[in-house]
Amino acid sequence: METKELAEIVIDTKRIQLVDGKFNPTEASDVITSLIDEKINFHKIQRLKIWEGNHHCNTNVLNNRIEELEQEKQIARDIINQARTKGKNLTINGILEITLED
């Protein structure tokens, strides 16, 4: 059996289109809330892992980020409610940009 070496892919920055389209308020709420909630949960798990290792650790950075995301989620709810009240749809453009760091 021959072993083949995988060629290294050289990409400094990659963009992934996560969300792109027009949504009614209910759909927009589902998409936006799901994305933000996943990120909040990620930070909560990170915070718990750090705390398990040291109950006296400082998790202020993670706490602040979680609070920022909660505030952003509320702003999104307000926009969605405004669209719902006006009978309008929303366009969401969500791009994930990944950069290779040294």
PDB file of N, CA and C in Angstrom:
ATOM      1  N   MET A   1       0.856  -1.184   0.000  1.00  0.00           N
ATOM      2  CA  MET A   1       0.000   0.000   0.000  1.00  0.00           C
ATOM      3  C   MET A   1       0.893   1.236   0.000  1.00  0.00           C
ATOM      4  N   GLU A   2       0.585   2.140  -0.859  1.00  0.00           N
ATOM      5  CA  GLU A   2       1.371   3.358  -0.996  1.00  0.00           C
ATOM      6  C   GLU A   2       0.752   4.474  -0.161  1.00  0.00           C
ATOM      7  N   THR A   3       1.607   5.196   0.560  1.00  0.00           N
ATOM      8  CA  THR A   3       1.140   6.336   1.353  1.00  0.00           C
ATOM      9  C   THR A   3       1.299   7.586   0.519  1.00  0.00           C
ATOM     10  N   LYS A   4       0.219   8.328   0.410  1.00  0.00           N
ATOM     11  CA  LYS A   4       0.274   9.573  -0.355  1.00  0.00           C
ATOM     12  C   LYS A   4       0.255  10.735   0.609  1.00  0.00           C
ATOM     13  N   GLU A   5       1.087  11.690   0.351  1.00  0.00           N
ATOM     14  CA  GLU A   5       1.147  12.889   1.178  1.00  0.00           C
ATOM     15  C   GLU A   5       0.167  13.913   0.626  1.00  0.00           C
ATOM     16  N   LEU A   6      -0.612  14.487   1.512  1.00  0.00           N
ATOM     17  CA  LEU A   6      -1.565  15.506   1.084  1.00  0.00           C
ATOM     18  C   LEU A   6      -0.841  16.813   0.822  1.00  0.00           C
ATOM     19  N   ALA A   7      -1.177  17.433  -0.257  1.00  0.00           N
ATOM     20  CA  ALA A   7      -0.579  18.730  -0.576  1.00  0.00           C
ATOM     21  C   ALA A   7      -1.131  19.778   0.374  1.00  0.00           C
ATOM     22  N   GLU A   8      -0.250  20.655   0.838  1.00  0.00           N
ATOM     23  CA  GLU A   8      -0.687  21.723   1.736  1.00  0.00           C
ATOM     24  C   GLU A   8      -1.438  22.776   0.934  1.00  0.00           C
ATOM     25  N   ILE A   9      -2.571  23.147   1.448  1.00  0.00           N
ATOM     26  CA  ILE A   9      -3.376  24.173   0.801  1.00  0.00           C
ATOM     27  C   ILE A   9      -2.966  25.514   1.387  1.00  0.00           C
ATOM     28  N   VAL A  10      -2.532  26.412   0.542  1.00  0.00           N
ATOM     29  CA  VAL A  10      -2.065  27.713   1.008  1.00  0.00           C
ATOM     30  C   VAL A  10      -3.166  28.744   0.762  1.00  0.00           C
ATOM     31  N   ILE A  11      -3.876  29.066   1.822  1.00  0.00           N
ATOM     32  CA  ILE A  11      -4.918  30.077   1.762  1.00  0.00           C
ATOM     33  C   ILE A  11      -4.760  30.954   2.995  1.00  0.00           C
ATOM     34  N   ASP A  12      -4.549  32.233   2.806  1.00  0.00           N
ATOM     35  CA  ASP A  12      -4.412  33.131   3.947  1.00  0.00           C
ATOM     36  C   ASP A  12      -5.772  33.510   4.517  1.00  0.00           C
ATOM     37  N   THR A  13      -6.717  33.768   3.641  1.00  0.00           N
ATOM     38  CA  THR A  13      -8.052  34.166   4.077  1.00  0.00           C
ATOM     39  C   THR A  13      -9.088  33.467   3.215  1.00  0.00           C
ATOM     40  N   LYS A  14     -10.110  32.960   3.878  1.00  0.00           N
ATOM     41  CA  LYS A  14     -11.205  32.301   3.164  1.00  0.00           C
ATOM     42  C   LYS A  14     -12.514  32.874   3.666  1.00  0.00           C
ATOM     43  N   ARG A  15     -13.421  33.130   2.761  1.00  0.00           N
ATOM     44  CA  ARG A  15     -14.755  33.616   3.106  1.00  0.00           C
ATOM     45  C   ARG A  15     -15.766  32.524   2.807  1.00  0.00           C
ATOM     46  N   ILE A  16     -16.638  32.282   3.779  1.00  0.00           N
ATOM     47  CA  ILE A  16     -17.694  31.296   3.622  1.00  0.00           C
ATOM     48  C   ILE A  16     -19.028  32.014   3.781  1.00  0.00           C
ATOM     49  N   GLN A  17     -19.867  31.899   2.783  1.00  0.00           N
ATOM     50  CA  GLN A  17     -21.184  32.525   2.827  1.00  0.00           C
ATOM     51  C   GLN A  17     -22.105  31.632   3.648  1.00  0.00           C
ATOM     52  N   LEU A  18     -22.358  32.010   4.912  1.00  0.00           N
ATOM     53  CA  LEU A  18     -23.215  31.212   5.794  1.00  0.00           C
ATOM     54  C   LEU A  18     -24.688  31.431   5.498  1.00  0.00           C
ATOM     55  N   VAL A  19     -25.053  32.681   5.336  1.00  0.00           N
ATOM     56  CA  VAL A  19     -26.452  33.034   5.115  1.00  0.00           C
ATOM     57  C   VAL A  19     -26.493  34.088   4.032  1.00  0.00           C
ATOM     58  N   ASP A  20     -27.396  33.920   3.091  1.00  0.00           N
ATOM     59  CA  ASP A  20     -27.544  34.919   2.033  1.00  0.00           C
ATOM     60  C   ASP A  20     -28.949  34.781   1.451  1.00  0.00           C
ATOM     61  N   GLY A  21     -29.797  35.725   1.780  1.00  0.00           N
ATOM     62  CA  GLY A  21     -31.124  35.645   1.200  1.00  0.00           C
ATOM     63  C   GLY A  21     -32.136  36.521   1.897  1.00  0.00           C
ATOM     64  N   LYS A  22     -33.345  36.445   1.381  1.00  0.00           N
ATOM     65  CA  LYS A  22     -34.475  37.203   1.916  1.00  0.00           C
ATOM     66  C   LYS A  22     -35.318  36.260   2.756  1.00  0.00           C
ATOM     67  N   PHE A  23     -35.725  36.723   3.942  1.00  0.00           N
ATOM     68  CA  PHE A  23     -36.463  35.896   4.880  1.00  0.00           C
ATOM     69  C   PHE A  23     -37.654  36.661   5.429  1.00  0.00           C
ATOM     70  N   ASN A  24     -38.738  35.934   5.707  1.00  0.00           N
ATOM     71  CA  ASN A  24     -39.835  36.580   6.417  1.00  0.00           C
ATOM     72  C   ASN A  24     -39.392  36.720   7.881  1.00  0.00           C
ATOM     73  N   PRO A  25     -40.082  37.521   8.685  1.00  0.00           N
ATOM     74  CA  PRO A  25     -39.628  37.761  10.059  1.00  0.00           C
ATOM     75  C   PRO A  25     -39.447  36.491  10.891  1.00  0.00           C
ATOM     76  N   THR A  26     -40.321  35.519  10.739  1.00  0.00           N
ATOM     77  CA  THR A  26     -40.188  34.287  11.519  1.00  0.00           C
ATOM     78  C   THR A  26     -38.939  33.513  11.119  1.00  0.00           C
ATOM     79  N   GLU A  27     -38.703  33.396   9.827  1.00  0.00           N
ATOM     80  CA  GLU A  27     -37.501  32.711   9.349  1.00  0.00           C
ATOM     81  C   GLU A  27     -36.242  33.451   9.794  1.00  0.00           C
ATOM     82  N   ALA A  28     -36.262  34.769   9.657  1.00  0.00           N
ATOM     83  CA  ALA A  28     -35.110  35.579  10.060  1.00  0.00           C
ATOM     84  C   ALA A  28     -34.822  35.401  11.543  1.00  0.00           C
ATOM     85  N   SER A  29     -35.877  35.380  12.339  1.00  0.00           N
ATOM     86  CA  SER A  29     -35.712  35.179  13.775  1.00  0.00           C
ATOM     87  C   SER A  29     -35.055  33.835  14.062  1.00  0.00           C
ATOM     88  N   ASP A  30     -35.506  32.794  13.384  1.00  0.00           N
ATOM     89  CA  ASP A  30     -34.931  31.459  13.576  1.00  0.00           C
ATOM     90  C   ASP A  30     -33.449  31.438  13.214  1.00  0.00           C
ATOM     91  N   VAL A  31     -33.108  32.001  12.068  1.00  0.00           N
ATOM     92  CA  VAL A  31     -31.722  31.988  11.599  1.00  0.00           C
ATOM     93  C   VAL A  31     -30.824  32.790  12.544  1.00  0.00           C
ATOM     94  N   ILE A  32     -31.208  34.018  12.818  1.00  0.00           N
ATOM     95  CA  ILE A  32     -30.367  34.899  13.625  1.00  0.00           C
ATOM     96  C   ILE A  32     -30.239  34.389  15.052  1.00  0.00           C
ATOM     97  N   THR A  33     -31.355  33.998  15.653  1.00  0.00           N
ATOM     98  CA  THR A  33     -31.319  33.509  17.030  1.00  0.00           C
ATOM     99  C   THR A  33     -30.466  32.252  17.133  1.00  0.00           C
ATOM    100  N   SER A  34     -30.594  31.357  16.181  1.00  0.00           N
ATOM    101  CA  SER A  34     -29.795  30.125  16.201  1.00  0.00           C
ATOM    102  C   SER A  34     -28.307  30.421  16.131  1.00  0.00           C
ATOM    103  N   LEU A  35     -27.914  31.307  15.236  1.00  0.00           N
ATOM    104  CA  LEU A  35     -26.497  31.638  15.087  1.00  0.00           C
ATOM    105  C   LEU A  35     -25.939  32.288  16.357  1.00  0.00           C
ATOM    106  N   ILE A  36     -26.656  33.263  16.886  1.00  0.00           N
ATOM    107  CA  ILE A  36     -26.176  33.954  18.087  1.00  0.00           C
ATOM    108  C   ILE A  36     -26.179  33.008  19.286  1.00  0.00           C
ATOM    109  N   ASP A  37     -27.218  32.202  19.434  1.00  0.00           N
ATOM    110  CA  ASP A  37     -27.275  31.257  20.552  1.00  0.00           C
ATOM    111  C   ASP A  37     -26.121  30.254  20.504  1.00  0.00           C
ATOM    112  N   GLU A  38     -25.756  29.798  19.321  1.00  0.00           N
ATOM    113  CA  GLU A  38     -24.626  28.874  19.205  1.00  0.00           C
ATOM    114  C   GLU A  38     -23.337  29.529  19.689  1.00  0.00           C
ATOM    115  N   LYS A  39     -23.147  30.786  19.332  1.00  0.00           N
ATOM    116  CA  LYS A  39     -21.939  31.486  19.760  1.00  0.00           C
ATOM    117  C   LYS A  39     -21.960  31.727  21.273  1.00  0.00           C
ATOM    118  N   ILE A  40     -23.105  32.067  21.822  1.00  0.00           N
ATOM    119  CA  ILE A  40     -23.231  32.243  23.276  1.00  0.00           C
ATOM    120  C   ILE A  40     -22.914  30.926  23.980  1.00  0.00           C
ATOM    121  N   ASN A  41     -23.467  29.836  23.492  1.00  0.00           N
ATOM    122  CA  ASN A  41     -23.203  28.528  24.099  1.00  0.00           C
ATOM    123  C   ASN A  41     -21.732  28.154  24.026  1.00  0.00           C
ATOM    124  N   PHE A  42     -21.079  28.481  22.930  1.00  0.00           N
ATOM    125  CA  PHE A  42     -19.643  28.227  22.796  1.00  0.00           C
ATOM    126  C   PHE A  42     -18.889  28.934  23.916  1.00  0.00           C
ATOM    127  N   HIS A  43     -19.193  30.206  24.132  1.00  0.00           N
ATOM    128  CA  HIS A  43     -18.497  30.960  25.174  1.00  0.00           C
ATOM    129  C   HIS A  43     -18.828  30.446  26.575  1.00  0.00           C
ATOM    130  N   LYS A  44     -20.053  30.016  26.787  1.00  0.00           N
ATOM    131  CA  LYS A  44     -20.420  29.453  28.090  1.00  0.00           C
ATOM    132  C   LYS A  44     -19.652  28.161  28.365  1.00  0.00           C
ATOM    133  N   ILE A  45     -19.476  27.336  27.352  1.00  0.00           N
ATOM    134  CA  ILE A  45     -18.711  26.102  27.519  1.00  0.00           C
ATOM    135  C   ILE A  45     -17.244  26.425  27.792  1.00  0.00           C
ATOM    136  N   GLN A  46     -16.693  27.400  27.067  1.00  0.00           N
ATOM    137  CA  GLN A  46     -15.315  27.819  27.316  1.00  0.00           C
ATOM    138  C   GLN A  46     -15.155  28.311  28.753  1.00  0.00           C
ATOM    139  N   ARG A  47     -16.108  29.099  29.200  1.00  0.00           N
ATOM    140  CA  ARG A  47     -16.076  29.639  30.567  1.00  0.00           C
ATOM    141  C   ARG A  47     -16.122  28.496  31.582  1.00  0.00           C
ATOM    142  N   LEU A  48     -16.978  27.511  31.356  1.00  0.00           N
ATOM    143  CA  LEU A  48     -17.088  26.375  32.264  1.00  0.00           C
ATOM    144  C   LEU A  48     -15.795  25.561  32.299  1.00  0.00           C
ATOM    145  N   LYS A  49     -15.179  25.338  31.147  1.00  0.00           N
ATOM    146  CA  LYS A  49     -13.910  24.605  31.095  1.00  0.00           C
ATOM    147  C   LYS A  49     -12.834  25.320  31.909  1.00  0.00           C
ATOM    148  N   ILE A  50     -12.760  26.633  31.772  1.00  0.00           N
ATOM    149  CA  ILE A  50     -11.775  27.405  32.531  1.00  0.00           C
ATOM    150  C   ILE A  50     -12.081  27.319  34.021  1.00  0.00           C
ATOM    151  N   TRP A  51     -13.341  27.465  34.376  1.00  0.00           N
ATOM    152  CA  TRP A  51     -13.753  27.437  35.781  1.00  0.00           C
ATOM    153  C   TRP A  51     -13.474  26.077  36.413  1.00  0.00           C
ATOM    154  N   GLU A  52     -13.696  24.983  35.657  1.00  0.00           N
ATOM    155  CA  GLU A  52     -13.416  23.646  36.179  1.00  0.00           C
ATOM    156  C   GLU A  52     -11.948  23.484  36.546  1.00  0.00           C
ATOM    157  N   GLY A  53     -11.063  24.118  35.786  1.00  0.00           N
ATOM    158  CA  GLY A  53      -9.631  24.051  36.060  1.00  0.00           C
ATOM    159  C   GLY A  53      -9.202  24.931  37.217  1.00  0.00           C
ATOM    160  N   ASN A  54      -9.947  26.001  37.459  1.00  0.00           N
ATOM    161  CA  ASN A  54      -9.586  26.955  38.510  1.00  0.00           C
ATOM    162  C   ASN A  54     -10.838  27.729  38.899  1.00  0.00           C
ATOM    163  N   HIS A  55     -11.397  27.399  40.060  1.00  0.00           N
ATOM    164  CA  HIS A  55     -12.634  28.037  40.513  1.00  0.00           C
ATOM    165  C   HIS A  55     -12.463  29.526  40.837  1.00  0.00           C
ATOM    166  N   HIS A  56     -11.232  29.996  40.895  1.00  0.00           N
ATOM    167  CA  HIS A  56     -10.984  31.405  41.216  1.00  0.00           C
ATOM    168  C   HIS A  56     -10.505  32.196  39.995  1.00  0.00           C
ATOM    169  N   CYS A  57     -10.709  31.616  38.821  1.00  0.00           N
ATOM    170  CA  CYS A  57     -10.228  32.255  37.590  1.00  0.00           C
ATOM    171  C   CYS A  57     -11.072  33.481  37.233  1.00  0.00           C
ATOM    172  N   ASN A  58     -10.491  34.300  36.403  1.00  0.00           N
ATOM    173  CA  ASN A  58     -11.174  35.502  35.928  1.00  0.00           C
ATOM    174  C   ASN A  58     -11.783  35.193  34.553  1.00  0.00           C
ATOM    175  N   THR A  59     -13.086  35.204  34.487  1.00  0.00           N
ATOM    176  CA  THR A  59     -13.775  34.935  33.216  1.00  0.00           C
ATOM    177  C   THR A  59     -14.480  36.193  32.702  1.00  0.00           C
ATOM    178  N   ASN A  60     -13.972  37.355  33.101  1.00  0.00           N
ATOM    179  CA  ASN A  60     -14.621  38.607  32.706  1.00  0.00           C
ATOM    180  C   ASN A  60     -14.695  38.791  31.197  1.00  0.00           C
ATOM    181  N   VAL A  61     -13.655  38.395  30.480  1.00  0.00           N
ATOM    182  CA  VAL A  61     -13.657  38.567  29.021  1.00  0.00           C
ATOM    183  C   VAL A  61     -14.795  37.750  28.410  1.00  0.00           C
ATOM    184  N   LEU A  62     -14.933  36.494  28.834  1.00  0.00           N
ATOM    185  CA  LEU A  62     -16.013  35.653  28.313  1.00  0.00           C
ATOM    186  C   LEU A  62     -17.379  36.164  28.766  1.00  0.00           C
ATOM    187  N   ASN A  63     -17.478  36.585  30.026  1.00  0.00           N
ATOM    188  CA  ASN A  63     -18.742  37.141  30.528  1.00  0.00           C
ATOM    189  C   ASN A  63     -19.163  38.355  29.707  1.00  0.00           C
ATOM    190  N   ASN A  64     -18.196  39.226  29.410  1.00  0.00           N
ATOM    191  CA  ASN A  64     -18.489  40.427  28.628  1.00  0.00           C
ATOM    192  C   ASN A  64     -18.932  40.075  27.216  1.00  0.00           C
ATOM    193  N   ARG A  65     -18.286  39.087  26.617  1.00  0.00           N
ATOM    194  CA  ARG A  65     -18.650  38.698  25.251  1.00  0.00           C
ATOM    195  C   ARG A  65     -20.052  38.094  25.213  1.00  0.00           C
ATOM    196  N   ILE A  66     -20.375  37.281  26.216  1.00  0.00           N
ATOM    197  CA  ILE A  66     -21.717  36.705  26.303  1.00  0.00           C
ATOM    198  C   ILE A  66     -22.751  37.824  26.425  1.00  0.00           C
ATOM    199  N   GLU A  67     -22.468  38.809  27.262  1.00  0.00           N
ATOM    200  CA  GLU A  67     -23.395  39.942  27.437  1.00  0.00           C
ATOM    201  C   GLU A  67     -23.546  40.736  26.135  1.00  0.00           C
ATOM    202  N   GLU A  68     -22.437  40.957  25.422  1.00  0.00           N
ATOM    203  CA  GLU A  68     -22.502  41.654  24.133  1.00  0.00           C
ATOM    204  C   GLU A  68     -23.396  40.904  23.152  1.00  0.00           C
ATOM    205  N   LEU A  69     -23.244  39.599  23.093  1.00  0.00           N
ATOM    206  CA  LEU A  69     -24.053  38.796  22.179  1.00  0.00           C
ATOM    207  C   LEU A  69     -25.526  38.816  22.574  1.00  0.00           C
ATOM    208  N   GLU A  70     -25.813  38.800  23.874  1.00  0.00           N
ATOM    209  CA  GLU A  70     -27.208  38.909  24.339  1.00  0.00           C
ATOM    210  C   GLU A  70     -27.811  40.245  23.904  1.00  0.00           C
ATOM    211  N   GLN A  71     -27.012  41.304  23.996  1.00  0.00           N
ATOM    212  CA  GLN A  71     -27.487  42.627  23.564  1.00  0.00           C
ATOM    213  C   GLN A  71     -27.716  42.657  22.059  1.00  0.00           C
ATOM    214  N   GLU A  72     -26.815  42.051  21.305  1.00  0.00           N
ATOM    215  CA  GLU A  72     -26.975  41.990  19.847  1.00  0.00           C
ATOM    216  C   GLU A  72     -28.226  41.186  19.477  1.00  0.00           C
ATOM    217  N   LYS A  73     -28.485  40.131  20.221  1.00  0.00           N
ATOM    218  CA  LYS A  73     -29.684  39.330  19.967  1.00  0.00           C
ATOM    219  C   LYS A  73     -30.941  40.164  20.202  1.00  0.00           C
ATOM    220  N   GLN A  74     -30.929  41.004  21.231  1.00  0.00           N
ATOM    221  CA  GLN A  74     -32.076  41.875  21.495  1.00  0.00           C
ATOM    222  C   GLN A  74     -32.250  42.905  20.378  1.00  0.00           C
ATOM    223  N   ILE A  75     -31.162  43.446  19.893  1.00  0.00           N
ATOM    224  CA  ILE A  75     -31.228  44.392  18.772  1.00  0.00           C
ATOM    225  C   ILE A  75     -31.836  43.700  17.544  1.00  0.00           C
ATOM    226  N   ALA A  76     -31.405  42.473  17.288  1.00  0.00           N
ATOM    227  CA  ALA A  76     -31.954  41.713  16.163  1.00  0.00           C
ATOM    228  C   ALA A  76     -33.448  41.480  16.350  1.00  0.00           C
ATOM    229  N   ARG A  77     -33.862  41.139  17.574  1.00  0.00           N
ATOM    230  CA  ARG A  77     -35.297  40.952  17.851  1.00  0.00           C
ATOM    231  C   ARG A  77     -36.082  42.225  17.555  1.00  0.00           C
ATOM    232  N   ASP A  78     -35.522  43.366  17.956  1.00  0.00           N
ATOM    233  CA  ASP A  78     -36.192  44.645  17.719  1.00  0.00           C
ATOM    234  C   ASP A  78     -36.369  44.910  16.222  1.00  0.00           C
ATOM    235  N   ILE A  79     -35.325  44.625  15.449  1.00  0.00           N
ATOM    236  CA  ILE A  79     -35.399  44.824  13.996  1.00  0.00           C
ATOM    237  C   ILE A  79     -36.430  43.881  13.386  1.00  0.00           C
ATOM    238  N   ILE A  80     -36.412  42.633  13.834  1.00  0.00           N
ATOM    239  CA  ILE A  80     -37.367  41.640  13.324  1.00  0.00           C
ATOM    240  C   ILE A  80     -38.795  42.036  13.678  1.00  0.00           C
ATOM    241  N   ASN A  81     -39.008  42.497  14.894  1.00  0.00           N
ATOM    242  CA  ASN A  81     -40.345  42.943  15.297  1.00  0.00           C
ATOM    243  C   ASN A  81     -40.809  44.144  14.482  1.00  0.00           C
ATOM    244  N   GLN A  82     -39.876  45.031  14.175  1.00  0.00           N
ATOM    245  CA  GLN A  82     -40.215  46.189  13.340  1.00  0.00           C
ATOM    246  C   GLN A  82     -40.637  45.714  11.943  1.00  0.00           C
ATOM    247  N   ALA A  83     -39.892  44.754  11.383  1.00  0.00           N
ATOM    248  CA  ALA A  83     -40.251  44.218  10.066  1.00  0.00           C
ATOM    249  C   ALA A  83     -41.613  43.539  10.118  1.00  0.00           C
ATOM    250  N   ARG A  84     -41.863  42.787  11.187  1.00  0.00           N
ATOM    251  CA  ARG A  84     -43.147  42.100  11.339  1.00  0.00           C
ATOM    252  C   ARG A  84     -44.290  43.113  11.390  1.00  0.00           C
ATOM    253  N   THR A  85     -44.107  44.176  12.163  1.00  0.00           N
ATOM    254  CA  THR A  85     -45.136  45.219  12.308  1.00  0.00           C
ATOM    255  C   THR A  85     -45.432  45.899  10.966  1.00  0.00           C
ATOM    256  N   LYS A  86     -44.386  46.111  10.174  1.00  0.00           N
ATOM    257  CA  LYS A  86     -44.544  46.790   8.889  1.00  0.00           C
ATOM    258  C   LYS A  86     -44.870  45.826   7.746  1.00  0.00           C
ATOM    259  N   GLY A  87     -44.934  44.524   8.046  1.00  0.00           N
ATOM    260  CA  GLY A  87     -45.233  43.545   7.008  1.00  0.00           C
ATOM    261  C   GLY A  87     -44.116  43.398   5.991  1.00  0.00           C
ATOM    262  N   LYS A  88     -42.882  43.533   6.431  1.00  0.00           N
ATOM    263  CA  LYS A  88     -41.744  43.478   5.518  1.00  0.00           C
ATOM    264  C   LYS A  88     -40.909  42.227   5.765  1.00  0.00           C
ATOM    265  N   ASN A  89     -40.116  41.866   4.769  1.00  0.00           N
ATOM    266  CA  ASN A  89     -39.135  40.788   4.891  1.00  0.00           C
ATOM    267  C   ASN A  89     -37.779  41.384   5.235  1.00  0.00           C
ATOM    268  N   LEU A  90     -36.833  40.516   5.559  1.00  0.00           N
ATOM    269  CA  LEU A  90     -35.489  40.965   5.890  1.00  0.00           C
ATOM    270  C   LEU A  90     -34.481  40.240   5.006  1.00  0.00           C
ATOM    271  N   THR A  91     -33.438  40.937   4.618  1.00  0.00           N
ATOM    272  CA  THR A  91     -32.332  40.330   3.897  1.00  0.00           C
ATOM    273  C   THR A  91     -31.199  40.125   4.884  1.00  0.00           C
ATOM    274  N   ILE A  92     -30.665  38.901   4.901  1.00  0.00           N
ATOM    275  CA  ILE A  92     -29.550  38.591   5.795  1.00  0.00           C
ATOM    276  C   ILE A  92     -28.367  38.181   4.940  1.00  0.00           C
ATOM    277  N   ASN A  93     -27.230  38.787   5.218  1.00  0.00           N
ATOM    278  CA  ASN A  93     -25.979  38.477   4.536  1.00  0.00           C
ATOM    279  C   ASN A  93     -24.958  38.159   5.617  1.00  0.00           C
ATOM    280  N   GLY A  94     -24.674  36.885   5.816  1.00  0.00           N
ATOM    281  CA  GLY A  94     -23.736  36.485   6.853  1.00  0.00           C
ATOM    282  C   GLY A  94     -22.530  35.808   6.254  1.00  0.00           C
ATOM    283  N   ILE A  95     -21.395  36.475   6.345  1.00  0.00           N
ATOM    284  CA  ILE A  95     -20.152  35.937   5.798  1.00  0.00           C
ATOM    285  C   ILE A  95     -19.213  35.611   6.950  1.00  0.00           C
ATOM    286  N   LEU A  96     -18.666  34.401   6.928  1.00  0.00           N
ATOM    287  CA  LEU A  96     -17.662  33.979   7.897  1.00  0.00           C
ATOM    288  C   LEU A  96     -16.322  34.135   7.213  1.00  0.00           C
ATOM    289  N   GLU A  97     -15.430  34.940   7.791  1.00  0.00           N
ATOM    290  CA  GLU A  97     -14.104  35.140   7.225  1.00  0.00           C
ATOM    291  C   GLU A  97     -13.080  34.447   8.100  1.00  0.00           C
ATOM    292  N   ILE A  98     -12.310  33.548   7.513  1.00  0.00           N
ATOM    293  CA  ILE A  98     -11.306  32.772   8.230  1.00  0.00           C
ATOM    294  C   ILE A  98      -9.934  33.183   7.735  1.00  0.00           C
ATOM    295  N   THR A  99      -9.046  33.525   8.666  1.00  0.00           N
ATOM    296  CA  THR A  99      -7.700  33.963   8.311  1.00  0.00           C
ATOM    297  C   THR A  99      -6.679  33.088   9.023  1.00  0.00           C
ATOM    298  N   LEU A 100      -5.680  32.624   8.299  1.00  0.00           N
ATOM    299  CA  LEU A 100      -4.600  31.846   8.864  1.00  0.00           C
ATOM    300  C   LEU A 100      -3.656  32.781   9.611  1.00  0.00           C
ATOM    301  N   GLU A 101      -3.455  32.496  10.894  1.00  0.00           N
ATOM    302  CA  GLU A 101      -2.612  33.350  11.741  1.00  0.00           C
ATOM    303  C   GLU A 101      -1.236  32.724  11.921  1.00  0.00           C
ATOM    304  N   ASP A 102      -0.234  33.571  12.087  1.00  0.00           N
ATOM    305  CA  ASP A 102       1.135  33.091  12.386  1.00  0.00           C
ATOM    306  C   ASP A 102       1.289  32.803  13.860  1.00  0.00           C
TER     307      ASP A 102
END
